[in-house]
């Protein structure tokens, strides 16, 4: 009987510790919760800022809309570590660079999106090395 009670307590502790570790990992990865993964927009614009920092790099670009007005877009990328493995670095984008990329737009309706790196990303007409997938 004592062994059975000990086994139940051990299992309960194991489950609790597993949940404490797993839940934060799942909560971080909310790309589909924030972005409309069923829609893809191709943006062509001029880089205003590239923030190469954790947890995810950010790219800010000015895009002309259909009426010719400039719209400021924010674009979320992978972490710098993942970008570095793909050959990108903090000099990949510079203010004034012409870029074309695809984003899955924000569900909130703002001018913000997550970059779809399964599609080509170009800087000044040159395609960057990439990999499949969106933000980790």
N, C-alpha and C. Protein backbone atom coordinates (compact mmCIF):
# COMPACT_ATOMS: atom_id res chain seq x y z
N UNK A 1 0.81 -1.19 0.00
CA UNK A 1 0.00 0.00 0.00
C UNK A 1 0.85 1.25 0.00
N UNK A 2 1.93 1.24 0.79
CA UNK A 2 2.78 2.43 0.86
C UNK A 2 3.43 2.71 -0.49
N UNK A 3 3.83 1.66 -1.20
CA UNK A 3 4.44 1.85 -2.52
C UNK A 3 3.46 2.46 -3.50
N UNK A 4 2.21 2.05 -3.42
CA UNK A 4 1.19 2.58 -4.33
C UNK A 4 0.94 4.06 -4.03
N UNK A 5 0.85 4.45 -2.78
CA UNK A 5 0.66 5.86 -2.40
C UNK A 5 1.86 6.68 -2.84
N UNK A 6 3.04 6.15 -2.66
CA UNK A 6 4.26 6.85 -3.08
C UNK A 6 4.27 7.04 -4.59
N UNK A 7 3.87 6.02 -5.33
CA UNK A 7 3.84 6.09 -6.79
C UNK A 7 2.83 7.15 -7.26
N UNK A 8 1.68 7.22 -6.60
CA UNK A 8 0.68 8.23 -6.96
C UNK A 8 1.20 9.64 -6.70
N UNK A 9 1.85 9.82 -5.55
CA UNK A 9 2.39 11.15 -5.22
C UNK A 9 3.50 11.52 -6.21
N UNK A 10 4.34 10.58 -6.54
CA UNK A 10 5.43 10.84 -7.49
C UNK A 10 4.89 11.22 -8.85
N UNK A 11 3.86 10.50 -9.28
CA UNK A 11 3.25 10.80 -10.57
C UNK A 11 2.62 12.20 -10.54
N UNK A 12 1.94 12.54 -9.45
CA UNK A 12 1.32 13.86 -9.33
C UNK A 12 2.38 14.96 -9.39
N UNK A 13 3.49 14.76 -8.72
CA UNK A 13 4.58 15.75 -8.76
C UNK A 13 5.13 15.85 -10.17
N UNK A 14 5.33 14.73 -10.83
CA UNK A 14 5.82 14.73 -12.20
C UNK A 14 4.89 15.52 -13.12
N UNK A 15 3.58 15.30 -13.01
CA UNK A 15 2.61 16.00 -13.84
C UNK A 15 2.66 17.50 -13.55
N UNK A 16 2.71 17.88 -12.29
CA UNK A 16 2.76 19.31 -11.92
C UNK A 16 4.00 19.99 -12.48
N UNK A 17 5.15 19.35 -12.33
CA UNK A 17 6.39 19.93 -12.84
C UNK A 17 6.34 20.02 -14.36
N UNK A 18 5.82 19.00 -15.02
CA UNK A 18 5.71 19.02 -16.48
C UNK A 18 4.83 20.16 -16.95
N UNK A 19 3.71 20.38 -16.29
CA UNK A 19 2.81 21.48 -16.66
C UNK A 19 3.47 22.84 -16.44
N UNK A 20 4.20 22.97 -15.35
CA UNK A 20 4.88 24.25 -15.07
C UNK A 20 5.90 24.58 -16.14
N UNK A 21 6.52 23.57 -16.70
CA UNK A 21 7.50 23.78 -17.75
C UNK A 21 6.83 23.97 -19.11
N UNK A 22 5.80 23.20 -19.40
CA UNK A 22 5.18 23.19 -20.73
C UNK A 22 4.29 24.39 -21.00
N UNK A 23 3.51 24.82 -20.05
CA UNK A 23 2.54 25.90 -20.28
C UNK A 23 3.21 27.19 -20.74
N UNK A 24 4.29 27.68 -20.10
CA UNK A 24 4.92 28.90 -20.62
C UNK A 24 5.45 28.74 -22.04
N UNK A 25 5.92 27.57 -22.38
CA UNK A 25 6.43 27.35 -23.74
C UNK A 25 5.31 27.47 -24.76
N UNK A 26 4.16 26.93 -24.47
CA UNK A 26 3.03 27.02 -25.39
C UNK A 26 2.46 28.42 -25.45
N UNK A 27 2.43 29.11 -24.34
CA UNK A 27 1.84 30.44 -24.32
C UNK A 27 2.65 31.43 -25.15
N UNK A 28 3.94 31.23 -25.28
CA UNK A 28 4.77 32.14 -26.06
C UNK A 28 4.45 32.08 -27.55
N UNK A 29 4.11 30.93 -28.04
CA UNK A 29 3.95 30.74 -29.47
C UNK A 29 2.50 30.99 -29.90
N UNK A 30 2.14 32.27 -29.96
CA UNK A 30 0.77 32.64 -30.29
C UNK A 30 0.65 33.29 -31.65
N UNK A 31 1.47 32.89 -32.61
CA UNK A 31 1.45 33.52 -33.92
C UNK A 31 0.06 33.45 -34.54
N UNK A 32 -0.58 32.29 -34.50
CA UNK A 32 -1.91 32.14 -35.11
C UNK A 32 -2.97 32.91 -34.32
N UNK A 33 -2.72 33.18 -33.05
CA UNK A 33 -3.68 33.93 -32.25
C UNK A 33 -3.64 35.42 -32.60
N UNK A 34 -2.47 35.91 -32.99
CA UNK A 34 -2.30 37.35 -33.27
C UNK A 34 -2.42 37.71 -34.74
N UNK A 35 -2.10 36.77 -35.62
CA UNK A 35 -2.03 37.07 -37.05
C UNK A 35 -3.00 36.18 -37.83
N UNK A 36 -3.51 36.73 -38.92
CA UNK A 36 -4.44 36.00 -39.79
C UNK A 36 -3.62 35.14 -40.75
N UNK A 37 -3.43 33.89 -40.39
CA UNK A 37 -2.58 32.99 -41.16
C UNK A 37 -3.24 32.55 -42.46
N UNK A 38 -4.52 32.88 -42.65
CA UNK A 38 -5.21 32.52 -43.89
C UNK A 38 -5.04 33.61 -44.96
N UNK A 39 -4.51 34.76 -44.57
CA UNK A 39 -4.29 35.87 -45.52
C UNK A 39 -2.81 36.17 -45.64
N UNK A 40 -2.41 36.52 -46.84
CA UNK A 40 -1.02 36.90 -47.08
C UNK A 40 -1.01 38.17 -47.93
N UNK A 41 -0.23 39.14 -47.48
CA UNK A 41 -0.08 40.40 -48.22
C UNK A 41 1.36 40.54 -48.66
N UNK A 42 1.58 40.96 -49.88
CA UNK A 42 2.93 41.26 -50.35
C UNK A 42 3.14 42.76 -50.21
N UNK A 43 4.17 43.13 -49.47
CA UNK A 43 4.48 44.53 -49.23
C UNK A 43 5.79 44.90 -49.91
N UNK A 44 5.80 46.03 -50.58
CA UNK A 44 7.03 46.58 -51.15
C UNK A 44 7.16 47.99 -50.58
N UNK A 45 8.29 48.26 -49.98
CA UNK A 45 8.47 49.56 -49.37
C UNK A 45 9.92 49.85 -49.04
N UNK A 46 10.09 50.92 -48.26
CA UNK A 46 11.42 51.39 -47.89
C UNK A 46 11.61 51.17 -46.39
N UNK A 47 12.74 50.58 -46.03
CA UNK A 47 13.05 50.31 -44.63
C UNK A 47 13.26 51.62 -43.88
N UNK A 48 12.60 51.75 -42.72
CA UNK A 48 12.84 52.90 -41.85
C UNK A 48 13.65 52.49 -40.64
N UNK A 49 13.49 51.22 -40.21
CA UNK A 49 14.24 50.74 -39.03
C UNK A 49 14.25 49.22 -39.01
N UNK A 50 15.35 48.65 -38.55
CA UNK A 50 15.47 47.21 -38.34
C UNK A 50 15.97 47.02 -36.91
N UNK A 51 15.13 46.39 -36.09
CA UNK A 51 15.46 46.16 -34.69
C UNK A 51 15.81 44.67 -34.54
N UNK A 52 17.10 44.41 -34.39
CA UNK A 52 17.64 43.05 -34.34
C UNK A 52 17.84 42.68 -32.88
N UNK A 53 16.74 42.31 -32.21
CA UNK A 53 16.79 42.03 -30.78
C UNK A 53 15.84 40.89 -30.43
N UNK A 54 16.06 40.30 -29.27
CA UNK A 54 15.19 39.22 -28.78
C UNK A 54 13.95 39.80 -28.15
N UNK A 55 12.82 39.10 -28.15
CA UNK A 55 12.66 37.72 -28.60
C UNK A 55 12.47 37.59 -30.11
N UNK A 56 12.00 38.66 -30.79
CA UNK A 56 11.83 38.61 -32.23
C UNK A 56 12.31 39.91 -32.85
N UNK A 57 13.03 39.80 -33.95
CA UNK A 57 13.47 40.99 -34.67
C UNK A 57 12.25 41.68 -35.27
N UNK A 58 12.35 42.99 -35.44
CA UNK A 58 11.26 43.79 -36.00
C UNK A 58 11.79 44.60 -37.18
N UNK A 59 11.01 44.65 -38.23
CA UNK A 59 11.37 45.43 -39.41
C UNK A 59 10.25 46.44 -39.64
N UNK A 60 10.61 47.71 -39.79
CA UNK A 60 9.62 48.76 -40.03
C UNK A 60 9.84 49.33 -41.43
N UNK A 61 8.75 49.38 -42.21
CA UNK A 61 8.87 49.85 -43.59
C UNK A 61 7.73 50.82 -43.92
N UNK A 62 8.02 51.72 -44.84
CA UNK A 62 7.01 52.63 -45.37
C UNK A 62 6.56 52.09 -46.72
N UNK A 63 5.25 51.86 -46.84
CA UNK A 63 4.65 51.27 -48.04
C UNK A 63 3.64 52.26 -48.59
N UNK A 64 3.63 52.46 -49.91
CA UNK A 64 2.60 53.30 -50.52
C UNK A 64 1.36 52.46 -50.76
N UNK A 65 0.20 52.98 -50.31
CA UNK A 65 -1.05 52.27 -50.54
C UNK A 65 -1.57 52.58 -51.94
N UNK A 66 -2.74 52.07 -52.26
CA UNK A 66 -3.29 52.22 -53.62
C UNK A 66 -3.55 53.68 -54.00
N UNK A 67 -3.73 54.55 -53.00
CA UNK A 67 -3.96 55.96 -53.31
C UNK A 67 -2.66 56.78 -53.31
N UNK A 68 -1.52 56.09 -53.08
CA UNK A 68 -0.22 56.78 -53.09
C UNK A 68 0.20 57.31 -51.74
N UNK A 69 -0.65 57.13 -50.72
CA UNK A 69 -0.29 57.57 -49.37
C UNK A 69 0.70 56.59 -48.75
N UNK A 70 1.66 57.11 -47.98
CA UNK A 70 2.64 56.27 -47.30
C UNK A 70 2.03 55.73 -46.01
N UNK A 71 2.11 54.41 -45.85
CA UNK A 71 1.60 53.73 -44.66
C UNK A 71 2.78 53.05 -43.99
N UNK A 72 2.94 53.29 -42.69
CA UNK A 72 4.04 52.70 -41.93
C UNK A 72 3.63 51.31 -41.45
N UNK A 73 4.40 50.29 -41.83
CA UNK A 73 4.12 48.90 -41.46
C UNK A 73 5.20 48.40 -40.51
N UNK A 74 4.79 47.60 -39.54
CA UNK A 74 5.70 46.87 -38.68
C UNK A 74 5.63 45.40 -39.03
N UNK A 75 6.79 44.74 -39.07
CA UNK A 75 6.84 43.34 -39.47
C UNK A 75 7.66 42.54 -38.45
N UNK A 76 7.07 41.50 -37.92
CA UNK A 76 7.75 40.64 -36.96
C UNK A 76 8.49 39.53 -37.69
N UNK A 77 9.72 39.29 -37.25
CA UNK A 77 10.56 38.23 -37.82
C UNK A 77 10.89 37.20 -36.74
N UNK A 78 11.70 36.22 -37.10
CA UNK A 78 12.19 35.24 -36.14
C UNK A 78 13.15 35.90 -35.15
N UNK A 79 13.62 35.10 -34.21
CA UNK A 79 14.61 35.58 -33.26
C UNK A 79 15.94 35.81 -33.97
N UNK A 80 16.79 36.70 -33.44
CA UNK A 80 18.10 36.91 -34.06
C UNK A 80 18.92 35.62 -34.20
N UNK A 81 18.80 34.71 -33.24
CA UNK A 81 19.54 33.45 -33.33
C UNK A 81 19.12 32.64 -34.55
N UNK A 82 17.83 32.54 -34.80
CA UNK A 82 17.35 31.82 -35.99
C UNK A 82 17.72 32.55 -37.27
N UNK A 83 17.62 33.86 -37.25
CA UNK A 83 17.99 34.64 -38.44
C UNK A 83 19.48 34.47 -38.75
N UNK A 84 20.30 34.48 -37.71
CA UNK A 84 21.75 34.32 -37.88
C UNK A 84 22.07 32.98 -38.53
N UNK A 85 21.40 31.93 -38.08
CA UNK A 85 21.62 30.59 -38.67
C UNK A 85 21.27 30.57 -40.16
N UNK A 86 20.35 31.45 -40.57
CA UNK A 86 19.95 31.52 -41.97
C UNK A 86 20.79 32.49 -42.79
N UNK A 87 21.81 33.08 -42.15
CA UNK A 87 22.70 33.98 -42.88
C UNK A 87 22.34 35.45 -42.77
N UNK A 88 21.36 35.80 -41.94
CA UNK A 88 20.98 37.19 -41.76
C UNK A 88 21.75 37.76 -40.57
N UNK A 89 21.90 39.07 -40.51
CA UNK A 89 22.54 39.71 -39.37
C UNK A 89 21.97 41.11 -39.18
N UNK A 90 22.52 41.87 -38.23
CA UNK A 90 21.93 43.18 -37.95
C UNK A 90 22.16 44.19 -39.06
N UNK A 91 22.98 43.85 -40.06
CA UNK A 91 23.17 44.72 -41.22
C UNK A 91 22.37 44.28 -42.44
N UNK A 92 21.54 43.25 -42.29
CA UNK A 92 20.77 42.74 -43.42
C UNK A 92 19.86 43.82 -44.00
N UNK A 93 19.25 44.62 -43.14
CA UNK A 93 18.38 45.71 -43.59
C UNK A 93 18.93 47.02 -43.05
N UNK A 94 18.97 48.03 -43.90
CA UNK A 94 19.40 49.36 -43.49
C UNK A 94 18.33 50.36 -43.91
N UNK A 95 18.21 51.43 -43.16
CA UNK A 95 17.26 52.48 -43.51
C UNK A 95 17.50 52.91 -44.95
N UNK A 96 16.44 52.99 -45.72
CA UNK A 96 16.53 53.38 -47.12
C UNK A 96 16.53 52.21 -48.10
N UNK A 97 16.76 50.99 -47.60
CA UNK A 97 16.72 49.81 -48.47
C UNK A 97 15.30 49.61 -49.00
N UNK A 98 15.21 49.16 -50.25
CA UNK A 98 13.93 48.80 -50.87
C UNK A 98 13.71 47.32 -50.60
N UNK A 99 12.57 46.95 -49.99
CA UNK A 99 12.29 45.56 -49.66
C UNK A 99 10.94 45.11 -50.22
N UNK A 100 10.86 43.82 -50.49
CA UNK A 100 9.59 43.18 -50.83
C UNK A 100 9.51 41.91 -50.00
N UNK A 101 8.38 41.74 -49.32
CA UNK A 101 8.18 40.57 -48.47
C UNK A 101 6.70 40.28 -48.33
N UNK A 102 6.39 39.09 -47.86
CA UNK A 102 5.00 38.69 -47.62
C UNK A 102 4.77 38.62 -46.12
N UNK A 103 3.62 39.11 -45.70
CA UNK A 103 3.26 39.05 -44.28
C UNK A 103 1.86 38.47 -44.12
N UNK A 104 1.65 37.85 -42.98
CA UNK A 104 0.31 37.49 -42.54
C UNK A 104 -0.09 38.64 -41.62
N UNK A 105 -1.15 39.38 -41.99
CA UNK A 105 -1.49 40.61 -41.26
C UNK A 105 -2.07 40.35 -39.86
N UNK A 106 -1.99 41.37 -39.05
CA UNK A 106 -2.54 41.33 -37.70
C UNK A 106 -4.06 41.13 -37.74
N UNK A 107 -4.56 40.34 -36.82
CA UNK A 107 -6.01 40.16 -36.70
C UNK A 107 -6.68 41.41 -36.15
N UNK A 108 -5.89 42.29 -35.53
CA UNK A 108 -6.43 43.51 -34.93
C UNK A 108 -6.72 44.58 -35.98
N UNK A 109 -6.30 44.34 -37.23
CA UNK A 109 -6.55 45.30 -38.29
C UNK A 109 -5.54 46.43 -38.36
N UNK A 110 -4.45 46.30 -37.64
CA UNK A 110 -3.39 47.32 -37.67
C UNK A 110 -2.42 47.03 -38.80
N UNK A 111 -1.55 47.97 -39.10
CA UNK A 111 -0.54 47.78 -40.14
C UNK A 111 0.66 47.07 -39.52
N UNK A 112 0.42 45.82 -39.18
CA UNK A 112 1.46 45.01 -38.56
C UNK A 112 1.26 43.58 -39.04
N UNK A 113 2.36 42.87 -39.26
CA UNK A 113 2.24 41.49 -39.72
C UNK A 113 3.45 40.67 -39.34
N UNK A 114 3.31 39.37 -39.47
CA UNK A 114 4.42 38.46 -39.25
C UNK A 114 4.93 38.05 -40.63
N UNK A 115 6.24 38.14 -40.82
CA UNK A 115 6.84 37.85 -42.12
C UNK A 115 6.77 36.35 -42.40
N UNK A 116 6.27 36.01 -43.59
CA UNK A 116 6.20 34.62 -44.04
C UNK A 116 7.50 34.32 -44.77
N UNK A 117 8.43 33.66 -44.07
CA UNK A 117 9.74 33.41 -44.67
C UNK A 117 9.75 32.20 -45.59
N UNK A 118 8.59 31.57 -45.78
CA UNK A 118 8.53 30.50 -46.77
C UNK A 118 8.43 31.11 -48.17
N UNK A 119 8.21 32.43 -48.22
CA UNK A 119 8.16 33.16 -49.49
C UNK A 119 9.39 34.06 -49.57
N UNK A 120 9.82 34.40 -50.78
CA UNK A 120 11.05 35.19 -50.92
C UNK A 120 10.98 36.56 -50.25
N UNK A 121 12.10 36.95 -49.68
CA UNK A 121 12.29 38.29 -49.14
C UNK A 121 13.42 38.91 -49.94
N UNK A 122 13.17 40.08 -50.53
CA UNK A 122 14.22 40.73 -51.32
C UNK A 122 14.59 42.07 -50.71
N UNK A 123 15.87 42.39 -50.82
CA UNK A 123 16.40 43.69 -50.41
C UNK A 123 17.15 44.26 -51.60
N UNK A 124 16.71 45.43 -52.05
CA UNK A 124 17.33 46.09 -53.21
C UNK A 124 17.44 45.13 -54.40
N UNK A 125 16.39 44.32 -54.60
CA UNK A 125 16.33 43.42 -55.74
C UNK A 125 17.04 42.10 -55.55
N UNK A 126 17.72 41.89 -54.43
CA UNK A 126 18.47 40.66 -54.18
C UNK A 126 17.70 39.79 -53.18
N UNK A 127 17.46 38.52 -53.57
CA UNK A 127 16.73 37.61 -52.69
C UNK A 127 17.63 37.16 -51.54
N UNK A 128 17.08 37.24 -50.33
CA UNK A 128 17.82 36.82 -49.15
C UNK A 128 17.71 35.32 -48.95
N UNK A 129 18.72 34.72 -48.29
CA UNK A 129 18.57 33.30 -47.96
C UNK A 129 17.42 33.16 -46.98
N UNK A 130 16.68 32.07 -47.08
CA UNK A 130 15.52 31.90 -46.21
C UNK A 130 15.32 30.47 -45.82
N UNK A 131 14.28 30.27 -45.12
CA UNK A 131 13.88 28.92 -44.73
C UNK A 131 12.36 28.93 -44.65
N UNK A 132 11.77 27.76 -44.60
CA UNK A 132 10.32 27.71 -44.52
C UNK A 132 9.87 28.05 -43.11
N UNK A 133 8.70 28.62 -43.02
CA UNK A 133 8.11 28.87 -41.73
C UNK A 133 8.02 30.32 -41.35
N UNK A 134 7.24 30.57 -40.33
CA UNK A 134 7.06 31.90 -39.79
C UNK A 134 7.81 32.03 -38.49
N UNK A 135 7.37 32.94 -37.69
CA UNK A 135 8.00 33.18 -36.40
C UNK A 135 7.93 31.92 -35.55
N UNK A 136 9.02 31.64 -34.88
CA UNK A 136 9.08 30.47 -33.99
C UNK A 136 8.34 30.74 -32.72
